[in-house]
């Protein structure tokens, strides 16, 4: 057998999401599949969109800025998600490129987005639920302390919480972290959760993810 096409990979990811929903008593309609296109060629992005993917995520402002003019033919079909670390000096540019920001990782960044926005911007608050030094995000204590302040900022529509799970040989080991994020969202009366990537998205769906950010499982290994 040859290498699966992007359309076949998209179909497989959707099937796995549906199976995870079935196991957890959810509907696949509750899940937004965000295809993460870091390092992905323009033609491959078009293939994914042709396969029914209408949510595209980028990790870097500069990469989205370079790609989007060449994707004018599909931009009307696509909702763009900023899923990587956002520096405050890139906020104004990001607001012109992205429809949703998943990675508001501090009160300072939230304030910068609020100041620069001219209309309500849907955002997720990124939480460093594991306390890893190598990850961005609000700590659990900062989420409690600053979450209410962020919610009151003008031109921000706080949709939910986001996390990047630690790498684990067994995805089952990350289940408690997904559960903790869901519980944190429930305490704040937030209903959306951006969590789960290629190695663990089924677990994330079982634990309440509403947005999964999938790169490799759709586009293959980056070269």
N, C-alpha and C. Protein backbone atom coordinates (compact mmCIF):
# COMPACT_ATOMS: atom_id res chain seq x y z
N UNK A 1 0.83 -1.20 0.00
CA UNK A 1 0.00 0.00 0.00
C UNK A 1 0.87 1.25 0.00
N UNK A 2 0.42 2.30 -0.73
CA UNK A 2 1.17 3.53 -0.77
C UNK A 2 0.87 4.42 0.43
N UNK A 3 1.50 5.58 0.41
CA UNK A 3 1.27 6.55 1.46
C UNK A 3 -0.15 7.09 1.37
N UNK A 4 -0.89 7.15 2.49
CA UNK A 4 -2.26 7.67 2.43
C UNK A 4 -2.28 9.11 1.94
N UNK A 5 -3.31 9.46 1.22
CA UNK A 5 -3.48 10.85 0.79
C UNK A 5 -3.93 11.70 1.97
N UNK A 6 -3.85 13.00 1.80
CA UNK A 6 -4.32 13.90 2.85
C UNK A 6 -5.81 13.69 3.10
N UNK A 7 -6.57 13.51 2.05
CA UNK A 7 -8.01 13.26 2.21
C UNK A 7 -8.26 11.99 3.02
N UNK A 8 -7.47 10.95 2.78
CA UNK A 8 -7.62 9.71 3.56
C UNK A 8 -7.24 9.92 5.01
N UNK A 9 -6.21 10.72 5.25
CA UNK A 9 -5.81 11.00 6.62
C UNK A 9 -6.87 11.82 7.36
N UNK A 10 -7.45 12.79 6.65
CA UNK A 10 -8.53 13.57 7.26
C UNK A 10 -9.69 12.66 7.63
N UNK A 11 -10.05 11.77 6.72
CA UNK A 11 -11.13 10.83 6.98
C UNK A 11 -10.81 9.95 8.19
N UNK A 12 -9.56 9.50 8.29
CA UNK A 12 -9.16 8.66 9.42
C UNK A 12 -9.24 9.43 10.74
N UNK A 13 -8.78 10.67 10.74
CA UNK A 13 -8.86 11.48 11.96
C UNK A 13 -10.32 11.68 12.37
N UNK A 14 -11.17 11.97 11.41
CA UNK A 14 -12.59 12.15 11.73
C UNK A 14 -13.21 10.86 12.26
N UNK A 15 -12.80 9.73 11.70
CA UNK A 15 -13.31 8.45 12.19
C UNK A 15 -12.88 8.23 13.63
N UNK A 16 -11.63 8.53 13.94
CA UNK A 16 -11.13 8.35 15.30
C UNK A 16 -11.80 9.31 16.27
N UNK A 17 -12.08 10.53 15.82
CA UNK A 17 -12.83 11.46 16.67
C UNK A 17 -14.22 10.90 16.95
N UNK A 18 -14.88 10.39 15.91
CA UNK A 18 -16.22 9.83 16.07
C UNK A 18 -16.22 8.65 17.05
N UNK A 19 -15.18 7.81 16.98
CA UNK A 19 -15.09 6.68 17.89
C UNK A 19 -14.89 7.14 19.33
N UNK A 20 -14.05 8.16 19.51
CA UNK A 20 -13.84 8.71 20.85
C UNK A 20 -15.12 9.33 21.39
N UNK A 21 -15.87 9.99 20.52
CA UNK A 21 -17.16 10.56 20.94
C UNK A 21 -18.13 9.45 21.34
N UNK A 22 -18.14 8.38 20.57
CA UNK A 22 -19.04 7.26 20.88
C UNK A 22 -18.70 6.67 22.25
N UNK A 23 -17.41 6.55 22.54
CA UNK A 23 -17.00 5.98 23.83
C UNK A 23 -17.38 6.89 25.01
N UNK A 24 -17.47 8.19 24.75
CA UNK A 24 -17.70 9.14 25.85
C UNK A 24 -19.08 9.78 25.81
N UNK A 25 -19.96 9.25 24.96
CA UNK A 25 -21.33 9.74 24.94
C UNK A 25 -21.46 11.15 24.39
N UNK A 26 -20.62 11.49 23.42
CA UNK A 26 -20.66 12.81 22.83
C UNK A 26 -20.99 12.71 21.35
N UNK A 27 -21.22 13.87 20.73
CA UNK A 27 -21.47 13.92 19.29
C UNK A 27 -20.24 14.48 18.57
N UNK A 28 -19.86 13.92 17.44
CA UNK A 28 -18.75 14.49 16.67
C UNK A 28 -19.00 15.95 16.27
N UNK A 29 -20.27 16.35 16.23
CA UNK A 29 -20.59 17.74 15.89
C UNK A 29 -20.05 18.71 16.93
N UNK A 30 -19.74 18.21 18.12
CA UNK A 30 -19.21 19.06 19.18
C UNK A 30 -17.73 19.39 18.98
N UNK A 31 -17.06 18.69 18.06
CA UNK A 31 -15.61 18.78 17.94
C UNK A 31 -15.22 19.57 16.70
N UNK A 32 -14.37 20.58 16.89
CA UNK A 32 -13.81 21.33 15.77
C UNK A 32 -12.41 20.81 15.49
N UNK A 33 -12.21 20.32 14.27
CA UNK A 33 -10.91 19.83 13.84
C UNK A 33 -10.11 20.99 13.25
N UNK A 34 -9.03 21.35 13.92
CA UNK A 34 -8.14 22.41 13.44
C UNK A 34 -6.90 21.76 12.84
N UNK A 35 -6.72 21.92 11.54
CA UNK A 35 -5.54 21.37 10.87
C UNK A 35 -4.38 22.34 11.03
N UNK A 36 -3.35 21.90 11.71
CA UNK A 36 -2.21 22.78 12.00
C UNK A 36 -1.19 22.65 10.88
N UNK A 37 -0.88 23.79 10.26
CA UNK A 37 -0.13 23.77 9.00
C UNK A 37 1.28 24.34 9.12
N UNK A 38 1.86 24.27 10.29
CA UNK A 38 3.25 24.70 10.47
C UNK A 38 4.15 23.91 9.52
N UNK A 39 4.87 24.61 8.65
CA UNK A 39 5.79 23.94 7.73
C UNK A 39 5.13 23.18 6.61
N UNK A 40 3.82 23.37 6.41
CA UNK A 40 3.08 22.61 5.40
C UNK A 40 2.98 23.43 4.12
N UNK A 41 3.16 22.77 2.99
CA UNK A 41 3.12 23.44 1.68
C UNK A 41 1.70 23.90 1.35
N UNK A 42 1.63 24.92 0.52
CA UNK A 42 0.33 25.50 0.17
C UNK A 42 -0.59 24.49 -0.49
N UNK A 43 -0.07 23.66 -1.38
CA UNK A 43 -0.91 22.68 -2.07
C UNK A 43 -1.49 21.67 -1.09
N UNK A 44 -0.72 21.32 -0.06
CA UNK A 44 -1.22 20.38 0.94
C UNK A 44 -2.34 21.02 1.76
N UNK A 45 -2.22 22.30 2.05
CA UNK A 45 -3.30 23.00 2.76
C UNK A 45 -4.56 22.99 1.92
N UNK A 46 -4.41 23.26 0.62
CA UNK A 46 -5.57 23.25 -0.27
C UNK A 46 -6.21 21.85 -0.30
N UNK A 47 -5.39 20.82 -0.31
CA UNK A 47 -5.93 19.45 -0.31
C UNK A 47 -6.76 19.19 0.93
N UNK A 48 -6.28 19.66 2.07
CA UNK A 48 -7.03 19.47 3.32
C UNK A 48 -8.36 20.19 3.27
N UNK A 49 -8.35 21.41 2.75
CA UNK A 49 -9.60 22.16 2.63
C UNK A 49 -10.57 21.46 1.67
N UNK A 50 -10.04 20.97 0.57
CA UNK A 50 -10.88 20.22 -0.38
C UNK A 50 -11.45 18.96 0.26
N UNK A 51 -10.75 18.43 1.26
CA UNK A 51 -11.21 17.23 1.97
C UNK A 51 -12.20 17.56 3.08
N UNK A 52 -12.55 18.84 3.20
CA UNK A 52 -13.58 19.23 4.17
C UNK A 52 -13.08 19.89 5.43
N UNK A 53 -11.78 20.18 5.51
CA UNK A 53 -11.24 20.89 6.67
C UNK A 53 -11.43 22.39 6.45
N UNK A 54 -12.07 23.04 7.39
CA UNK A 54 -12.33 24.48 7.24
C UNK A 54 -11.79 25.30 8.41
N UNK A 55 -10.99 24.67 9.25
CA UNK A 55 -10.33 25.37 10.35
C UNK A 55 -8.83 25.08 10.25
N UNK A 56 -8.05 26.13 10.07
CA UNK A 56 -6.62 25.99 9.85
C UNK A 56 -5.87 26.73 10.95
N UNK A 57 -4.88 26.08 11.53
CA UNK A 57 -4.10 26.67 12.61
C UNK A 57 -2.66 26.89 12.21
N UNK A 58 -2.11 28.01 12.65
CA UNK A 58 -0.70 28.29 12.44
C UNK A 58 -0.04 28.60 13.78
N UNK A 59 1.23 28.21 13.90
CA UNK A 59 1.99 28.44 15.13
C UNK A 59 2.69 29.79 15.14
N UNK A 60 2.96 30.32 13.96
CA UNK A 60 3.76 31.54 13.89
C UNK A 60 3.05 32.60 13.06
N UNK A 61 3.04 33.82 13.57
CA UNK A 61 2.45 34.93 12.84
C UNK A 61 3.14 35.11 11.49
N UNK A 62 4.48 35.03 11.49
CA UNK A 62 5.22 35.27 10.25
C UNK A 62 4.84 34.27 9.16
N UNK A 63 4.62 33.02 9.55
CA UNK A 63 4.30 32.00 8.56
C UNK A 63 2.91 32.23 7.98
N UNK A 64 1.96 32.58 8.83
CA UNK A 64 0.61 32.88 8.32
C UNK A 64 0.65 34.10 7.40
N UNK A 65 1.43 35.09 7.78
CA UNK A 65 1.53 36.31 6.98
C UNK A 65 2.10 36.01 5.60
N UNK A 66 3.04 35.06 5.53
CA UNK A 66 3.64 34.70 4.25
C UNK A 66 2.69 33.84 3.40
N UNK A 67 1.90 32.99 4.04
CA UNK A 67 1.07 32.04 3.30
C UNK A 67 -0.25 32.63 2.81
N UNK A 68 -0.89 33.41 3.64
CA UNK A 68 -2.27 33.78 3.35
C UNK A 68 -2.48 34.49 2.01
N UNK A 69 -1.58 35.37 1.58
CA UNK A 69 -1.81 35.99 0.27
C UNK A 69 -1.86 34.98 -0.88
N UNK A 70 -1.14 33.88 -0.73
CA UNK A 70 -1.13 32.85 -1.78
C UNK A 70 -2.28 31.87 -1.64
N UNK A 71 -3.07 32.02 -0.58
CA UNK A 71 -4.22 31.14 -0.37
C UNK A 71 -5.53 31.91 -0.50
N UNK A 72 -5.48 33.01 -1.26
CA UNK A 72 -6.67 33.85 -1.41
C UNK A 72 -7.85 33.07 -1.97
N UNK A 73 -7.56 32.01 -2.74
CA UNK A 73 -8.63 31.23 -3.34
C UNK A 73 -9.42 30.42 -2.32
N UNK A 74 -8.84 30.15 -1.14
CA UNK A 74 -9.55 29.35 -0.14
C UNK A 74 -9.82 30.12 1.16
N UNK A 75 -9.30 31.33 1.27
CA UNK A 75 -9.43 32.06 2.54
C UNK A 75 -10.88 32.25 2.96
N UNK A 76 -11.78 32.41 2.00
CA UNK A 76 -13.19 32.60 2.34
C UNK A 76 -13.80 31.34 2.94
N UNK A 77 -13.15 30.19 2.73
CA UNK A 77 -13.67 28.92 3.25
C UNK A 77 -13.06 28.55 4.60
N UNK A 78 -12.08 29.34 5.05
CA UNK A 78 -11.25 28.93 6.17
C UNK A 78 -11.39 29.89 7.36
N UNK A 79 -11.48 29.31 8.54
CA UNK A 79 -11.33 30.06 9.78
C UNK A 79 -9.90 29.85 10.26
N UNK A 80 -9.17 30.95 10.46
CA UNK A 80 -7.77 30.86 10.84
C UNK A 80 -7.61 30.95 12.36
N UNK A 81 -6.85 29.99 12.91
CA UNK A 81 -6.62 29.89 14.34
C UNK A 81 -5.14 30.12 14.64
N UNK A 82 -4.84 31.02 15.54
CA UNK A 82 -3.47 31.18 16.05
C UNK A 82 -3.31 30.21 17.21
N UNK A 83 -2.43 29.22 17.04
CA UNK A 83 -2.30 28.17 18.06
C UNK A 83 -0.94 28.15 18.74
N UNK A 84 0.00 28.99 18.28
CA UNK A 84 1.33 29.03 18.87
C UNK A 84 1.51 30.23 19.77
N UNK A 85 2.68 30.32 20.37
CA UNK A 85 2.99 31.43 21.27
C UNK A 85 2.91 32.75 20.53
N UNK A 86 2.22 33.71 21.12
CA UNK A 86 2.04 35.02 20.50
C UNK A 86 2.78 36.07 21.31
N UNK A 87 3.73 36.74 20.67
CA UNK A 87 4.45 37.82 21.32
C UNK A 87 3.62 39.10 21.25
N UNK A 88 3.75 39.94 22.26
CA UNK A 88 2.93 41.15 22.29
C UNK A 88 3.23 42.07 21.11
N UNK A 89 4.47 42.07 20.62
CA UNK A 89 4.78 42.95 19.48
C UNK A 89 4.22 42.44 18.15
N UNK A 90 3.61 41.25 18.18
CA UNK A 90 2.99 40.69 16.97
C UNK A 90 1.46 40.73 17.04
N UNK A 91 0.93 41.31 18.10
CA UNK A 91 -0.52 41.26 18.32
C UNK A 91 -1.28 41.94 17.19
N UNK A 92 -0.90 43.15 16.82
CA UNK A 92 -1.64 43.87 15.79
C UNK A 92 -1.63 43.10 14.47
N UNK A 93 -0.48 42.54 14.11
CA UNK A 93 -0.41 41.75 12.89
C UNK A 93 -1.29 40.51 12.99
N UNK A 94 -1.24 39.86 14.14
CA UNK A 94 -2.03 38.64 14.34
C UNK A 94 -3.52 38.91 14.21
N UNK A 95 -3.97 40.05 14.71
CA UNK A 95 -5.39 40.36 14.64
C UNK A 95 -5.87 40.56 13.21
N UNK A 96 -4.97 40.91 12.32
CA UNK A 96 -5.32 41.04 10.91
C UNK A 96 -5.31 39.72 10.16
N UNK A 97 -4.75 38.68 10.78
CA UNK A 97 -4.58 37.40 10.11
C UNK A 97 -5.49 36.31 10.65
N UNK A 98 -5.78 36.34 11.94
CA UNK A 98 -6.45 35.22 12.60
C UNK A 98 -7.84 35.60 13.08
N UNK A 99 -8.74 34.60 13.02
CA UNK A 99 -10.10 34.78 13.51
C UNK A 99 -10.22 34.42 14.99
N UNK A 100 -9.37 33.52 15.46
CA UNK A 100 -9.42 33.02 16.84
C UNK A 100 -8.00 32.88 17.34
N UNK A 101 -7.76 33.26 18.59
CA UNK A 101 -6.44 33.09 19.21
C UNK A 101 -6.56 32.08 20.34
N UNK A 102 -5.81 30.98 20.23
CA UNK A 102 -5.88 29.92 21.24
C UNK A 102 -4.87 30.13 22.37
N UNK A 103 -3.93 31.04 22.20
CA UNK A 103 -2.74 31.03 23.06
C UNK A 103 -2.54 32.33 23.84
N UNK A 104 -3.62 32.83 24.45
CA UNK A 104 -3.49 33.98 25.34
C UNK A 104 -2.97 33.45 26.68
N UNK A 105 -1.67 33.63 26.89
CA UNK A 105 -0.99 32.92 27.97
C UNK A 105 -0.63 33.79 29.17
N UNK A 106 -1.13 35.04 29.21
CA UNK A 106 -0.84 35.92 30.35
C UNK A 106 -1.83 37.07 30.36
N UNK A 107 -2.00 37.68 31.51
CA UNK A 107 -2.83 38.87 31.61
C UNK A 107 -2.26 39.98 30.72
N UNK A 108 -0.94 40.10 30.71
CA UNK A 108 -0.27 41.12 29.90
C UNK A 108 -0.63 40.97 28.43
N UNK A 109 -0.61 39.74 27.91
CA UNK A 109 -0.96 39.52 26.51
C UNK A 109 -2.44 39.79 26.27
N UNK A 110 -3.28 39.37 27.19
CA UNK A 110 -4.71 39.63 27.06
C UNK A 110 -4.98 41.12 26.97
N UNK A 111 -4.30 41.90 27.79
CA UNK A 111 -4.47 43.35 27.76
C UNK A 111 -4.00 43.93 26.42
N UNK A 112 -2.92 43.40 25.88
CA UNK A 112 -2.41 43.87 24.59
C UNK A 112 -3.40 43.57 23.47
N UNK A 113 -3.99 42.38 23.49
CA UNK A 113 -5.00 42.04 22.48
C UNK A 113 -6.21 42.95 22.62
N UNK A 114 -6.63 43.16 23.85
CA UNK A 114 -7.79 44.02 24.10
C UNK A 114 -7.56 45.44 23.59
N UNK A 115 -6.38 45.98 23.82
CA UNK A 115 -6.06 47.35 23.39
C UNK A 115 -6.04 47.48 21.88
N UNK A 116 -5.56 46.45 21.21
CA UNK A 116 -5.37 46.52 19.75
C UNK A 116 -6.61 46.14 18.96
N UNK A 117 -7.51 45.39 19.57
CA UNK A 117 -8.66 44.88 18.84
C UNK A 117 -9.68 45.99 18.57
N UNK A 118 -10.32 45.93 17.43
CA UNK A 118 -11.38 46.89 17.08
C UNK A 118 -12.76 46.24 17.10
N UNK A 119 -12.78 44.95 17.38
CA UNK A 119 -14.04 44.21 17.51
C UNK A 119 -13.78 43.02 18.42
N UNK A 120 -14.81 42.37 18.96
CA UNK A 120 -14.59 41.25 19.87
C UNK A 120 -13.78 40.12 19.21
N UNK A 121 -12.76 39.68 19.91
CA UNK A 121 -11.87 38.62 19.41
C UNK A 121 -12.09 37.36 20.25
N UNK A 122 -12.48 36.25 19.61
CA UNK A 122 -12.59 34.99 20.36
C UNK A 122 -11.20 34.51 20.78
N UNK A 123 -11.04 34.18 22.07
CA UNK A 123 -9.74 33.73 22.57
C UNK A 123 -9.93 32.55 23.51
N UNK A 124 -8.86 31.77 23.61
CA UNK A 124 -8.72 30.76 24.66
C UNK A 124 -7.58 31.21 25.58
N UNK A 125 -7.73 30.96 26.86
CA UNK A 125 -6.65 31.21 27.80
C UNK A 125 -5.79 29.96 27.89
N UNK A 126 -4.51 30.12 27.58
CA UNK A 126 -3.60 28.98 27.64
C UNK A 126 -3.16 28.75 29.08
N UNK A 127 -3.27 27.50 29.51
CA UNK A 127 -2.94 27.14 30.88
C UNK A 127 -1.80 26.14 30.88
N UNK A 128 -0.79 26.41 31.69
CA UNK A 128 0.32 25.47 31.88
C UNK A 128 -0.07 24.56 33.04
N UNK A 129 -0.92 23.61 32.74
CA UNK A 129 -1.56 22.81 33.78
C UNK A 129 -0.56 21.93 34.52
N UNK A 130 0.56 21.61 33.86
CA UNK A 130 1.56 20.74 34.48
C UNK A 130 2.68 21.51 35.17
N UNK A 131 2.72 22.82 34.96
CA UNK A 131 3.78 23.63 35.59
C UNK A 131 5.15 23.42 34.98
N UNK A 132 5.23 22.94 33.73
CA UNK A 132 6.53 22.71 33.09
C UNK A 132 7.20 24.03 32.72
N UNK A 133 8.49 24.12 33.01
CA UNK A 133 9.24 25.34 32.71
C UNK A 133 9.35 25.62 31.22
N UNK A 134 9.22 24.58 30.41
CA UNK A 134 9.40 24.73 28.96
C UNK A 134 8.11 25.14 28.26
N UNK A 135 7.01 25.27 28.98
CA UNK A 135 5.73 25.60 28.36
C UNK A 135 5.25 26.99 28.77
N UNK A 136 4.55 27.63 27.85
CA UNK A 136 3.91 28.90 28.15
C UNK A 136 2.55 28.63 28.80
N UNK A 137 1.99 29.66 29.40
CA UNK A 137 0.64 29.53 29.92
C UNK A 137 0.50 30.03 31.34
N UNK A 138 -0.73 30.34 31.69
CA UNK A 138 -1.05 30.73 33.06
C UNK A 138 -0.92 29.52 33.97
N UNK A 139 -0.39 29.73 35.14
CA UNK A 139 -0.41 28.66 36.13
C UNK A 139 -1.83 28.52 36.66
N UNK A 140 -2.09 27.45 37.38
CA UNK A 140 -3.42 27.26 37.96
C UNK A 140 -3.78 28.43 38.87
N UNK A 141 -2.81 28.90 39.65
CA UNK A 141 -3.06 30.03 40.55
C UNK A 141 -3.32 31.31 39.76
N UNK A 142 -2.54 31.54 38.69
CA UNK A 142 -2.75 32.74 37.87
C UNK A 142 -4.10 32.71 37.18
N UNK A 143 -4.54 31.52 36.79
CA UNK A 143 -5.85 31.41 36.15
C UNK A 143 -6.95 31.85 37.11
N UNK A 144 -6.84 31.44 38.35
CA UNK A 144 -7.82 31.84 39.36
C UNK A 144 -7.72 33.35 39.62
N UNK A 145 -6.50 33.84 39.73
CA UNK A 145 -6.28 35.25 40.08
C UNK A 145 -6.66 36.19 38.94
N UNK A 146 -6.27 35.82 37.69
CA UNK A 146 -6.39 36.75 36.57
C UNK A 146 -7.57 36.45 35.64
N UNK A 147 -8.15 35.27 35.75
CA UNK A 147 -9.20 34.88 34.81
C UNK A 147 -10.37 35.85 34.79
N UNK A 148 -10.82 36.26 35.95
CA UNK A 148 -11.96 37.18 36.01
C UNK A 148 -11.61 38.53 35.41
N UNK A 149 -10.37 38.98 35.63
CA UNK A 149 -9.93 40.26 35.06
C UNK A 149 -9.93 40.20 33.54
N UNK A 150 -9.41 39.11 33.00
CA UNK A 150 -9.38 38.95 31.54
C UNK A 150 -10.80 38.96 30.98
N UNK A 151 -11.70 38.29 31.67
CA UNK A 151 -13.08 38.19 31.17
C UNK A 151 -13.76 39.55 31.06
N UNK A 152 -13.29 40.52 31.82
CA UNK A 152 -13.89 41.86 31.82
C UNK A 152 -13.24 42.81 30.82
N UNK A 153 -12.15 42.40 30.19
CA UNK A 153 -11.47 43.28 29.24
C UNK A 153 -12.33 43.49 28.00
N UNK A 154 -12.37 44.73 27.48
CA UNK A 154 -13.16 44.98 26.28
C UNK A 154 -12.58 44.29 25.05
N UNK A 155 -13.46 43.92 24.15
CA UNK A 155 -13.08 43.33 22.86
C UNK A 155 -12.42 41.96 22.99
N UNK A 156 -12.63 41.29 24.11
CA UNK A 156 -12.20 39.89 24.24
C UNK A 156 -13.42 39.03 24.51
N UNK A 157 -13.54 37.95 23.77
CA UNK A 157 -14.59 36.96 23.99
C UNK A 157 -13.90 35.66 24.43
N UNK A 158 -13.84 35.46 25.74
CA UNK A 158 -13.13 34.29 26.27
C UNK A 158 -14.01 33.06 26.05
N UNK A 159 -13.56 32.20 25.15
CA UNK A 159 -14.32 31.00 24.79
C UNK A 159 -14.06 29.83 25.73
N UNK A 160 -12.79 29.72 26.17
CA UNK A 160 -12.46 28.55 26.96
C UNK A 160 -10.99 28.53 27.31
N UNK A 161 -10.49 27.33 27.60
CA UNK A 161 -9.10 27.13 28.00
C UNK A 161 -8.38 26.26 26.99
N UNK A 162 -7.06 26.44 26.93
CA UNK A 162 -6.22 25.69 26.00
C UNK A 162 -5.01 25.16 26.76
N UNK A 163 -4.52 24.01 26.32
CA UNK A 163 -3.28 23.47 26.90
C UNK A 163 -2.52 22.69 25.86
N UNK A 164 -1.20 22.58 26.10
CA UNK A 164 -0.33 21.67 25.35
C UNK A 164 0.08 20.59 26.33
N UNK A 165 -0.35 19.38 26.07
CA UNK A 165 -0.08 18.27 26.99
C UNK A 165 1.39 17.85 26.93
N UNK A 166 1.91 17.31 28.02
CA UNK A 166 3.28 16.78 27.99
C UNK A 166 3.35 15.56 27.08
N UNK A 167 4.52 15.33 26.51
CA UNK A 167 4.71 14.15 25.68
C UNK A 167 4.78 12.92 26.59
N UNK A 168 4.16 11.84 26.13
CA UNK A 168 4.15 10.61 26.91
C UNK A 168 4.12 9.43 25.96
N UNK A 169 4.84 8.37 26.32
CA UNK A 169 4.85 7.17 25.49
C UNK A 169 3.46 6.54 25.43
N UNK A 170 2.69 6.67 26.51
CA UNK A 170 1.34 6.15 26.59
C UNK A 170 0.40 7.34 26.79
N UNK A 171 -0.50 7.56 25.83
CA UNK A 171 -1.40 8.71 25.90
C UNK A 171 -2.25 8.68 27.16
N UNK A 172 -2.45 7.49 27.72
CA UNK A 172 -3.26 7.38 28.94
C UNK A 172 -2.66 8.22 30.07
N UNK A 173 -1.34 8.44 30.02
CA UNK A 173 -0.68 9.20 31.08
C UNK A 173 -1.05 10.68 31.05
N UNK A 174 -1.57 11.16 29.93
CA UNK A 174 -1.94 12.58 29.87
C UNK A 174 -3.42 12.80 30.22
N UNK A 175 -4.17 11.73 30.36
CA UNK A 175 -5.59 11.87 30.67
C UNK A 175 -5.84 12.74 31.91
N UNK A 176 -5.10 12.55 33.01
CA UNK A 176 -5.37 13.40 34.19
C UNK A 176 -5.18 14.89 33.91
N UNK A 177 -4.25 15.24 33.02
CA UNK A 177 -4.02 16.65 32.71
C UNK A 177 -5.20 17.22 31.92
N UNK A 178 -5.72 16.45 30.97
CA UNK A 178 -6.91 16.89 30.24
C UNK A 178 -8.08 17.06 31.20
N UNK A 179 -8.20 16.14 32.13
CA UNK A 179 -9.31 16.20 33.09
C UNK A 179 -9.19 17.43 33.98
N UNK A 180 -7.98 17.75 34.39
CA UNK A 180 -7.77 18.93 35.23
C UNK A 180 -8.14 20.20 34.48
N UNK A 181 -7.82 20.27 33.19
CA UNK A 181 -8.18 21.46 32.42
C UNK A 181 -9.70 21.57 32.30
N UNK A 182 -10.36 20.45 32.06
CA UNK A 182 -11.82 20.47 31.98
C UNK A 182 -12.44 20.95 33.29
N UNK A 183 -11.90 20.47 34.39
CA UNK A 183 -12.43 20.86 35.69
C UNK A 183 -12.19 22.36 35.94
N UNK A 184 -11.02 22.86 35.51
CA UNK A 184 -10.74 24.29 35.66
C UNK A 184 -11.72 25.12 34.84
N UNK A 185 -12.01 24.66 33.62
CA UNK A 185 -12.97 25.37 32.77
C UNK A 185 -14.36 25.37 33.39
N UNK A 186 -14.75 24.25 33.97
CA UNK A 186 -16.06 24.17 34.61
C UNK A 186 -16.17 25.14 35.77
N UNK A 187 -15.10 25.29 36.54
CA UNK A 187 -15.13 26.23 37.66
C UNK A 187 -15.31 27.67 37.19
N UNK A 188 -14.81 27.96 35.99
CA UNK A 188 -14.92 29.31 35.43
C UNK A 188 -16.14 29.46 34.52
N UNK A 189 -16.96 28.41 34.44
CA UNK A 189 -18.15 28.40 33.59
C UNK A 189 -17.79 28.63 32.12
N UNK A 190 -16.68 28.02 31.68
CA UNK A 190 -16.25 28.07 30.29
C UNK A 190 -16.52 26.72 29.65
N UNK A 191 -17.03 26.72 28.44
CA UNK A 191 -17.51 25.48 27.85
C UNK A 191 -16.62 24.90 26.76
N UNK A 192 -15.59 25.63 26.34
CA UNK A 192 -14.78 25.14 25.23
C UNK A 192 -13.36 24.82 25.70
N UNK A 193 -12.80 23.77 25.14
CA UNK A 193 -11.47 23.30 25.52
C UNK A 193 -10.67 22.99 24.27
N UNK A 194 -9.55 23.69 24.10
CA UNK A 194 -8.63 23.43 22.99
C UNK A 194 -7.51 22.56 23.54
N UNK A 195 -7.61 21.27 23.29
CA UNK A 195 -6.60 20.34 23.81
C UNK A 195 -6.62 19.08 22.97
N UNK A 196 -5.45 18.49 22.84
CA UNK A 196 -5.31 17.27 22.05
C UNK A 196 -4.65 17.54 20.71
N UNK A 197 -3.58 16.77 20.44
CA UNK A 197 -2.87 16.86 19.17
C UNK A 197 -2.73 15.46 18.59
N UNK A 198 -1.86 15.29 17.62
CA UNK A 198 -1.84 14.03 16.86
C UNK A 198 -1.67 12.79 17.74
N UNK A 199 -0.89 12.89 18.80
CA UNK A 199 -0.60 11.70 19.62
C UNK A 199 -1.66 11.41 20.66
N UNK A 200 -2.54 12.38 20.96
CA UNK A 200 -3.42 12.19 22.12
C UNK A 200 -4.82 12.76 21.94
N UNK A 201 -5.22 13.08 20.70
CA UNK A 201 -6.49 13.77 20.53
C UNK A 201 -7.69 12.92 20.90
N UNK A 202 -7.59 11.60 20.74
CA UNK A 202 -8.72 10.75 21.13
C UNK A 202 -8.97 10.81 22.63
N UNK A 203 -7.88 10.79 23.40
CA UNK A 203 -7.99 10.93 24.85
C UNK A 203 -8.58 12.28 25.21
N UNK A 204 -8.13 13.32 24.51
CA UNK A 204 -8.63 14.66 24.79
C UNK A 204 -10.14 14.75 24.52
N UNK A 205 -10.58 14.15 23.42
CA UNK A 205 -12.02 14.16 23.11
C UNK A 205 -12.80 13.45 24.21
N UNK A 206 -12.28 12.32 24.66
CA UNK A 206 -12.97 11.59 25.74
C UNK A 206 -13.08 12.42 27.01
N UNK A 207 -12.13 13.33 27.20
CA UNK A 207 -12.12 14.16 28.42
C UNK A 207 -12.73 15.54 28.21
N UNK A 208 -13.33 15.79 27.04
CA UNK A 208 -14.10 17.01 26.89
C UNK A 208 -13.60 18.03 25.89
N UNK A 209 -12.56 17.73 25.12
CA UNK A 209 -12.06 18.68 24.13
C UNK A 209 -13.17 19.08 23.16
N UNK A 210 -13.19 20.37 22.83
CA UNK A 210 -14.09 20.84 21.78
C UNK A 210 -13.31 21.22 20.53
N UNK A 211 -12.01 21.47 20.67
CA UNK A 211 -11.12 21.79 19.55
C UNK A 211 -9.88 20.92 19.66
N UNK A 212 -9.56 20.18 18.62
CA UNK A 212 -8.32 19.40 18.59
C UNK A 212 -7.44 19.97 17.48
N UNK A 213 -6.14 20.05 17.76
CA UNK A 213 -5.19 20.72 16.87
C UNK A 213 -4.28 19.65 16.26
N UNK A 214 -4.55 19.31 15.00
CA UNK A 214 -3.92 18.14 14.39
C UNK A 214 -3.02 18.55 13.23
N UNK A 215 -1.75 18.20 13.32
CA UNK A 215 -0.81 18.46 12.23
C UNK A 215 -0.35 17.18 11.59
N UNK A 216 0.52 16.43 12.27
CA UNK A 216 1.17 15.26 11.68
C UNK A 216 0.19 14.20 11.22
N UNK A 217 -0.89 13.97 11.96
CA UNK A 217 -1.84 12.93 11.58
C UNK A 217 -2.58 13.24 10.28
N UNK A 218 -2.54 14.51 9.87
CA UNK A 218 -3.13 14.90 8.59
C UNK A 218 -2.07 15.06 7.50
N UNK A 219 -0.98 15.73 7.83
CA UNK A 219 -0.01 16.11 6.81
C UNK A 219 1.25 15.26 6.80
N UNK A 220 1.38 14.35 7.76
CA UNK A 220 2.58 13.53 7.83
C UNK A 220 3.70 14.27 8.55
N UNK A 221 4.83 13.61 8.64
CA UNK A 221 5.99 14.21 9.31
C UNK A 221 6.49 15.42 8.53
N UNK A 222 6.82 16.48 9.25
CA UNK A 222 7.44 17.64 8.59
C UNK A 222 8.88 17.31 8.27
N UNK A 223 9.34 17.79 7.13
CA UNK A 223 10.73 17.52 6.73
C UNK A 223 11.56 18.77 6.90
